[in-house]
Amino acid sequence: MLVRKVSTPGVRITKVTGQQLPLEAEKNVAGVSALAMLKGLEIDFGFEIEISKKIKPGSGIGSSAASAAGAVYGINKILGQPFNKTQLVEFAIQGEALASGTAHADNVAPAIFGGFTLVKGYEPLEV
């Protein structure tokens, strides 16, 4: 994934290669996760995201989680890392909800935390 800061507020998916995925941020797992992250932030700029998708969606190996985690991880880096890993998972599970119908951290938690993870609870989220 390539995430870039731009002067126009909001989130735009500018390019997807490797798979047929929507460019509309509200219909794309990466876009939904990024929008969840930016909600409530008072910033006068936005982000563009390019996705090179090498994991087949629907394969059961975390394709949507990779996009969700990549988007929030990249934006967090650009913003100077104001969010911790648990918060990043909270944003990324919003994208998972789009993909699977349920906001779950089964794949995004390991993608963000690395290694072996256990999701102990959701209210509050505890990884």
N, C-alpha and C. Protein backbone atom coordinates (compact mmCIF):
# COMPACT_ATOMS: atom_id res chain seq x y z
N MET A 1 0.85 -1.18 0.00
CA MET A 1 0.00 0.00 0.00
C MET A 1 0.89 1.23 0.00
N LEU A 2 0.36 2.24 -0.64
CA LEU A 2 1.01 3.53 -0.64
C LEU A 2 0.01 4.53 -0.09
N VAL A 3 0.38 5.22 0.97
CA VAL A 3 -0.48 6.21 1.59
C VAL A 3 0.23 7.55 1.50
N ARG A 4 -0.48 8.55 1.00
CA ARG A 4 0.14 9.86 0.88
C ARG A 4 -0.78 10.95 1.42
N LYS A 5 -0.17 11.92 2.06
CA LYS A 5 -0.89 13.09 2.56
C LYS A 5 -1.13 14.04 1.39
N VAL A 6 -2.36 14.56 1.29
CA VAL A 6 -2.71 15.51 0.23
C VAL A 6 -3.44 16.70 0.83
N SER A 7 -3.52 17.78 0.09
CA SER A 7 -4.14 19.00 0.62
C SER A 7 -5.66 18.93 0.69
N THR A 8 -6.27 18.05 -0.09
CA THR A 8 -7.73 17.93 -0.09
C THR A 8 -8.18 17.06 1.07
N PRO A 9 -9.07 17.55 1.95
CA PRO A 9 -9.54 16.74 3.08
C PRO A 9 -10.26 15.46 2.62
N GLY A 10 -10.24 14.46 3.48
CA GLY A 10 -10.93 13.21 3.20
C GLY A 10 -9.98 12.09 2.81
N VAL A 11 -10.57 11.02 2.30
CA VAL A 11 -9.81 9.84 1.90
C VAL A 11 -10.21 9.48 0.48
N ARG A 12 -9.22 9.27 -0.37
CA ARG A 12 -9.47 8.82 -1.74
C ARG A 12 -8.64 7.57 -2.02
N ILE A 13 -9.29 6.58 -2.59
CA ILE A 13 -8.56 5.41 -3.10
C ILE A 13 -8.29 5.73 -4.56
N THR A 14 -7.03 5.90 -4.91
CA THR A 14 -6.70 6.37 -6.25
C THR A 14 -6.38 5.25 -7.23
N LYS A 15 -5.98 4.09 -6.69
CA LYS A 15 -5.57 3.01 -7.58
C LYS A 15 -5.62 1.68 -6.84
N VAL A 16 -6.12 0.65 -7.52
CA VAL A 16 -6.09 -0.71 -6.99
C VAL A 16 -5.57 -1.61 -8.10
N THR A 17 -4.52 -2.35 -7.81
CA THR A 17 -4.00 -3.31 -8.77
C THR A 17 -4.04 -4.71 -8.15
N GLY A 18 -4.18 -5.72 -8.98
CA GLY A 18 -4.15 -7.10 -8.52
C GLY A 18 -5.52 -7.72 -8.31
N GLN A 19 -6.51 -6.92 -7.97
CA GLN A 19 -7.87 -7.41 -7.74
C GLN A 19 -8.86 -6.32 -8.15
N GLN A 20 -10.08 -6.70 -8.36
CA GLN A 20 -11.14 -5.75 -8.68
C GLN A 20 -11.80 -5.31 -7.37
N LEU A 21 -11.43 -4.15 -6.89
CA LEU A 21 -11.99 -3.60 -5.65
C LEU A 21 -12.47 -2.18 -5.92
N PRO A 22 -13.48 -1.73 -5.16
CA PRO A 22 -14.02 -0.39 -5.39
C PRO A 22 -13.03 0.73 -5.05
N LEU A 23 -13.10 1.80 -5.82
CA LEU A 23 -12.28 2.98 -5.54
C LEU A 23 -12.98 3.92 -4.56
N GLU A 24 -14.30 3.78 -4.39
CA GLU A 24 -15.03 4.64 -3.46
C GLU A 24 -14.61 4.28 -2.03
N ALA A 25 -14.14 5.27 -1.29
CA ALA A 25 -13.62 5.03 0.06
C ALA A 25 -14.66 4.36 0.95
N GLU A 26 -15.92 4.72 0.81
CA GLU A 26 -16.98 4.18 1.67
C GLU A 26 -17.32 2.73 1.33
N LYS A 27 -16.82 2.23 0.20
CA LYS A 27 -17.09 0.86 -0.22
C LYS A 27 -15.84 -0.01 -0.23
N ASN A 28 -14.73 0.54 0.25
CA ASN A 28 -13.45 -0.15 0.25
C ASN A 28 -13.00 -0.32 1.70
N VAL A 29 -12.55 -1.49 2.07
CA VAL A 29 -12.14 -1.77 3.45
C VAL A 29 -11.08 -0.79 3.93
N ALA A 30 -10.09 -0.50 3.12
CA ALA A 30 -9.04 0.45 3.51
C ALA A 30 -9.64 1.84 3.70
N GLY A 31 -10.53 2.23 2.81
CA GLY A 31 -11.16 3.54 2.91
C GLY A 31 -12.02 3.68 4.15
N VAL A 32 -12.82 2.68 4.44
CA VAL A 32 -13.68 2.71 5.63
C VAL A 32 -12.84 2.79 6.90
N SER A 33 -11.76 2.03 6.96
CA SER A 33 -10.87 2.07 8.13
C SER A 33 -10.23 3.44 8.28
N ALA A 34 -9.77 4.00 7.18
CA ALA A 34 -9.15 5.32 7.21
C ALA A 34 -10.15 6.40 7.62
N LEU A 35 -11.36 6.32 7.09
CA LEU A 35 -12.40 7.29 7.46
C LEU A 35 -12.74 7.19 8.94
N ALA A 36 -12.77 5.98 9.48
CA ALA A 36 -13.03 5.80 10.91
C ALA A 36 -11.93 6.46 11.73
N MET A 37 -10.71 6.34 11.27
CA MET A 37 -9.58 6.93 11.97
C MET A 37 -9.64 8.46 11.96
N LEU A 38 -10.03 9.01 10.83
CA LEU A 38 -10.03 10.47 10.69
C LEU A 38 -11.25 11.13 11.32
N LYS A 39 -12.28 10.34 11.60
CA LYS A 39 -13.49 10.88 12.21
C LYS A 39 -13.13 11.53 13.55
N GLY A 40 -13.52 12.75 13.71
CA GLY A 40 -13.26 13.46 14.96
C GLY A 40 -11.93 14.21 14.98
N LEU A 41 -11.04 13.92 14.04
CA LEU A 41 -9.79 14.68 13.97
C LEU A 41 -10.06 16.00 13.26
N GLU A 42 -9.50 17.04 13.76
CA GLU A 42 -9.66 18.34 13.12
C GLU A 42 -8.40 18.63 12.31
N ILE A 43 -8.41 18.13 11.06
CA ILE A 43 -7.28 18.35 10.17
C ILE A 43 -7.81 18.96 8.87
N ASP A 44 -6.96 19.74 8.23
CA ASP A 44 -7.38 20.41 6.99
C ASP A 44 -6.72 19.78 5.76
N PHE A 45 -6.37 18.53 5.86
CA PHE A 45 -5.76 17.79 4.75
C PHE A 45 -6.36 16.40 4.72
N GLY A 46 -5.97 15.63 3.72
CA GLY A 46 -6.52 14.28 3.59
C GLY A 46 -5.45 13.31 3.15
N PHE A 47 -5.93 12.15 2.67
CA PHE A 47 -5.01 11.08 2.29
C PHE A 47 -5.48 10.39 1.02
N GLU A 48 -4.51 10.00 0.21
CA GLU A 48 -4.75 9.16 -0.95
C GLU A 48 -4.11 7.82 -0.68
N ILE A 49 -4.80 6.77 -1.11
CA ILE A 49 -4.31 5.41 -0.87
C ILE A 49 -4.28 4.65 -2.19
N GLU A 50 -3.15 4.03 -2.47
CA GLU A 50 -3.02 3.09 -3.59
C GLU A 50 -2.87 1.70 -3.00
N ILE A 51 -3.58 0.74 -3.57
CA ILE A 51 -3.55 -0.62 -3.05
C ILE A 51 -3.04 -1.57 -4.14
N SER A 52 -2.00 -2.31 -3.81
CA SER A 52 -1.52 -3.39 -4.66
C SER A 52 -1.93 -4.67 -3.95
N LYS A 53 -3.00 -5.29 -4.43
CA LYS A 53 -3.63 -6.41 -3.73
C LYS A 53 -3.09 -7.72 -4.25
N LYS A 54 -2.29 -8.38 -3.42
CA LYS A 54 -1.73 -9.67 -3.81
C LYS A 54 -2.32 -10.83 -3.01
N ILE A 55 -3.27 -10.51 -2.13
CA ILE A 55 -3.99 -11.55 -1.39
C ILE A 55 -5.40 -11.57 -1.94
N LYS A 56 -5.83 -12.70 -2.41
CA LYS A 56 -7.15 -12.81 -3.03
C LYS A 56 -8.26 -12.60 -1.99
N PRO A 57 -9.16 -11.63 -2.23
CA PRO A 57 -10.29 -11.45 -1.33
C PRO A 57 -11.14 -12.72 -1.24
N GLY A 58 -11.62 -13.02 -0.04
CA GLY A 58 -12.44 -14.20 0.16
C GLY A 58 -11.65 -15.48 0.33
N SER A 59 -10.33 -15.38 0.37
CA SER A 59 -9.49 -16.57 0.48
C SER A 59 -9.38 -17.07 1.92
N GLY A 60 -9.78 -16.26 2.86
CA GLY A 60 -9.71 -16.66 4.26
C GLY A 60 -8.36 -16.45 4.92
N ILE A 61 -7.46 -15.75 4.24
CA ILE A 61 -6.13 -15.53 4.82
C ILE A 61 -5.86 -14.06 5.14
N GLY A 62 -6.91 -13.28 5.31
CA GLY A 62 -6.73 -11.92 5.81
C GLY A 62 -6.58 -10.83 4.77
N SER A 63 -7.16 -11.00 3.61
CA SER A 63 -7.07 -9.98 2.57
C SER A 63 -7.62 -8.64 3.03
N SER A 64 -8.81 -8.65 3.60
CA SER A 64 -9.42 -7.39 4.05
C SER A 64 -8.65 -6.81 5.23
N ALA A 65 -8.17 -7.67 6.11
CA ALA A 65 -7.39 -7.19 7.26
C ALA A 65 -6.10 -6.52 6.82
N ALA A 66 -5.48 -7.06 5.78
CA ALA A 66 -4.25 -6.45 5.28
C ALA A 66 -4.51 -5.04 4.78
N SER A 67 -5.61 -4.84 4.07
CA SER A 67 -5.96 -3.51 3.58
C SER A 67 -6.32 -2.57 4.73
N ALA A 68 -7.13 -3.04 5.66
CA ALA A 68 -7.56 -2.21 6.79
C ALA A 68 -6.36 -1.81 7.65
N ALA A 69 -5.53 -2.78 7.99
CA ALA A 69 -4.36 -2.51 8.83
C ALA A 69 -3.36 -1.60 8.11
N GLY A 70 -3.14 -1.86 6.83
CA GLY A 70 -2.20 -1.04 6.07
C GLY A 70 -2.61 0.42 6.01
N ALA A 71 -3.89 0.66 5.81
CA ALA A 71 -4.38 2.04 5.71
C ALA A 71 -4.19 2.79 7.02
N VAL A 72 -4.62 2.20 8.14
CA VAL A 72 -4.52 2.92 9.41
C VAL A 72 -3.08 3.03 9.89
N TYR A 73 -2.28 2.01 9.61
CA TYR A 73 -0.86 2.05 9.99
C TYR A 73 -0.16 3.19 9.24
N GLY A 74 -0.38 3.27 7.93
CA GLY A 74 0.26 4.31 7.13
C GLY A 74 -0.16 5.71 7.53
N ILE A 75 -1.44 5.91 7.72
CA ILE A 75 -1.93 7.24 8.12
C ILE A 75 -1.39 7.61 9.49
N ASN A 76 -1.37 6.66 10.42
CA ASN A 76 -0.84 6.93 11.75
C ASN A 76 0.61 7.38 11.69
N LYS A 77 1.40 6.73 10.85
CA LYS A 77 2.82 7.12 10.68
C LYS A 77 2.92 8.56 10.18
N ILE A 78 2.13 8.88 9.16
CA ILE A 78 2.17 10.23 8.59
C ILE A 78 1.75 11.27 9.61
N LEU A 79 0.78 10.93 10.46
CA LEU A 79 0.30 11.87 11.48
C LEU A 79 1.25 12.00 12.67
N GLY A 80 2.33 11.22 12.71
CA GLY A 80 3.27 11.28 13.82
C GLY A 80 2.96 10.30 14.93
N GLN A 81 2.19 9.28 14.63
CA GLN A 81 1.83 8.18 15.52
C GLN A 81 1.05 8.61 16.77
N PRO A 82 -0.06 9.33 16.59
CA PRO A 82 -0.86 9.73 17.75
C PRO A 82 -1.69 8.58 18.34
N PHE A 83 -1.88 7.51 17.59
CA PHE A 83 -2.72 6.40 18.04
C PHE A 83 -1.88 5.18 18.39
N ASN A 84 -2.28 4.49 19.46
CA ASN A 84 -1.58 3.26 19.84
C ASN A 84 -2.13 2.08 19.03
N LYS A 85 -1.52 0.92 19.19
CA LYS A 85 -1.91 -0.26 18.39
C LYS A 85 -3.35 -0.68 18.64
N THR A 86 -3.80 -0.60 19.87
CA THR A 86 -5.19 -0.98 20.16
C THR A 86 -6.16 -0.05 19.44
N GLN A 87 -5.86 1.23 19.44
CA GLN A 87 -6.71 2.18 18.72
C GLN A 87 -6.70 1.90 17.22
N LEU A 88 -5.55 1.53 16.68
CA LEU A 88 -5.48 1.20 15.26
C LEU A 88 -6.36 0.00 14.95
N VAL A 89 -6.37 -0.99 15.82
CA VAL A 89 -7.24 -2.16 15.63
C VAL A 89 -8.71 -1.71 15.65
N GLU A 90 -9.07 -0.81 16.56
CA GLU A 90 -10.45 -0.33 16.63
C GLU A 90 -10.88 0.31 15.31
N PHE A 91 -9.99 1.07 14.69
CA PHE A 91 -10.32 1.69 13.40
C PHE A 91 -10.41 0.62 12.30
N ALA A 92 -9.45 -0.28 12.30
CA ALA A 92 -9.38 -1.30 11.25
C ALA A 92 -10.57 -2.26 11.29
N ILE A 93 -11.12 -2.53 12.46
CA ILE A 93 -12.26 -3.45 12.51
C ILE A 93 -13.50 -2.86 11.87
N GLN A 94 -13.52 -1.55 11.68
CA GLN A 94 -14.64 -0.94 10.96
C GLN A 94 -14.60 -1.37 9.49
N GLY A 95 -13.41 -1.50 8.94
CA GLY A 95 -13.27 -2.03 7.59
C GLY A 95 -13.64 -3.49 7.51
N GLU A 96 -13.28 -4.25 8.54
CA GLU A 96 -13.65 -5.67 8.59
C GLU A 96 -15.17 -5.82 8.62
N ALA A 97 -15.84 -4.89 9.28
CA ALA A 97 -17.31 -4.94 9.31
C ALA A 97 -17.88 -4.81 7.90
N LEU A 98 -17.27 -3.99 7.08
CA LEU A 98 -17.71 -3.86 5.69
C LEU A 98 -17.50 -5.18 4.94
N ALA A 99 -16.36 -5.79 5.16
CA ALA A 99 -16.01 -7.01 4.42
C ALA A 99 -16.81 -8.23 4.85
N SER A 100 -17.03 -8.36 6.17
CA SER A 100 -17.63 -9.60 6.67
C SER A 100 -18.99 -9.41 7.34
N GLY A 101 -19.38 -8.16 7.55
CA GLY A 101 -20.64 -7.91 8.23
C GLY A 101 -20.51 -7.83 9.74
N THR A 102 -19.32 -8.11 10.25
CA THR A 102 -19.07 -8.07 11.69
C THR A 102 -17.73 -7.38 11.97
N ALA A 103 -17.73 -6.48 12.92
CA ALA A 103 -16.49 -5.81 13.32
C ALA A 103 -15.70 -6.75 14.22
N HIS A 104 -14.75 -7.46 13.65
CA HIS A 104 -13.95 -8.42 14.42
C HIS A 104 -12.47 -8.16 14.21
N ALA A 105 -11.69 -8.56 15.20
CA ALA A 105 -10.25 -8.28 15.17
C ALA A 105 -9.40 -9.53 14.91
N ASP A 106 -10.03 -10.62 14.48
CA ASP A 106 -9.32 -11.89 14.29
C ASP A 106 -8.06 -11.75 13.45
N ASN A 107 -8.13 -10.98 12.39
CA ASN A 107 -6.98 -10.85 11.49
C ASN A 107 -6.27 -9.50 11.61
N VAL A 108 -7.01 -8.44 11.92
CA VAL A 108 -6.35 -7.13 12.00
C VAL A 108 -5.46 -7.00 13.23
N ALA A 109 -5.84 -7.64 14.35
CA ALA A 109 -4.99 -7.55 15.55
C ALA A 109 -3.60 -8.13 15.29
N PRO A 110 -3.47 -9.34 14.72
CA PRO A 110 -2.12 -9.83 14.43
C PRO A 110 -1.40 -9.00 13.38
N ALA A 111 -2.15 -8.45 12.42
CA ALA A 111 -1.51 -7.63 11.39
C ALA A 111 -0.90 -6.37 11.99
N ILE A 112 -1.55 -5.81 12.99
CA ILE A 112 -1.06 -4.57 13.60
C ILE A 112 -0.09 -4.85 14.74
N PHE A 113 -0.39 -5.82 15.61
CA PHE A 113 0.48 -6.12 16.75
C PHE A 113 1.66 -7.00 16.37
N GLY A 114 1.48 -7.86 15.36
CA GLY A 114 2.52 -8.81 15.00
C GLY A 114 2.50 -10.01 15.94
N GLY A 115 3.03 -11.11 15.46
CA GLY A 115 3.15 -12.30 16.30
C GLY A 115 1.81 -12.91 16.65
N PHE A 116 1.81 -13.66 17.74
CA PHE A 116 0.61 -14.34 18.23
C PHE A 116 -0.20 -13.35 19.04
N THR A 117 -1.48 -13.24 18.76
CA THR A 117 -2.33 -12.32 19.51
C THR A 117 -3.57 -13.05 19.99
N LEU A 118 -4.15 -12.51 21.03
CA LEU A 118 -5.40 -13.01 21.58
C LEU A 118 -6.31 -11.81 21.79
N VAL A 119 -7.50 -11.86 21.23
CA VAL A 119 -8.48 -10.80 21.45
C VAL A 119 -9.31 -11.25 22.65
N LYS A 120 -9.08 -10.61 23.80
CA LYS A 120 -9.73 -11.02 25.04
C LYS A 120 -11.13 -10.44 25.19
N GLY A 121 -11.39 -9.31 24.55
CA GLY A 121 -12.71 -8.70 24.66
C GLY A 121 -12.84 -7.52 23.73
N TYR A 122 -14.09 -7.12 23.53
CA TYR A 122 -14.37 -6.01 22.61
C TYR A 122 -14.91 -4.76 23.29
N GLU A 123 -15.43 -4.88 24.50
CA GLU A 123 -16.00 -3.71 25.16
C GLU A 123 -15.48 -3.60 26.57
N PRO A 124 -14.31 -3.01 26.75
CA PRO A 124 -13.46 -2.37 25.73
C PRO A 124 -12.62 -3.40 24.98
N LEU A 125 -12.09 -2.95 23.84
CA LEU A 125 -11.22 -3.83 23.06
C LEU A 125 -9.97 -4.12 23.86
N GLU A 126 -9.66 -5.39 24.01
CA GLU A 126 -8.46 -5.81 24.73
C GLU A 126 -7.75 -6.89 23.92
N VAL A 127 -6.54 -6.55 23.46
CA VAL A 127 -5.74 -7.46 22.65
C VAL A 127 -4.51 -7.86 23.46
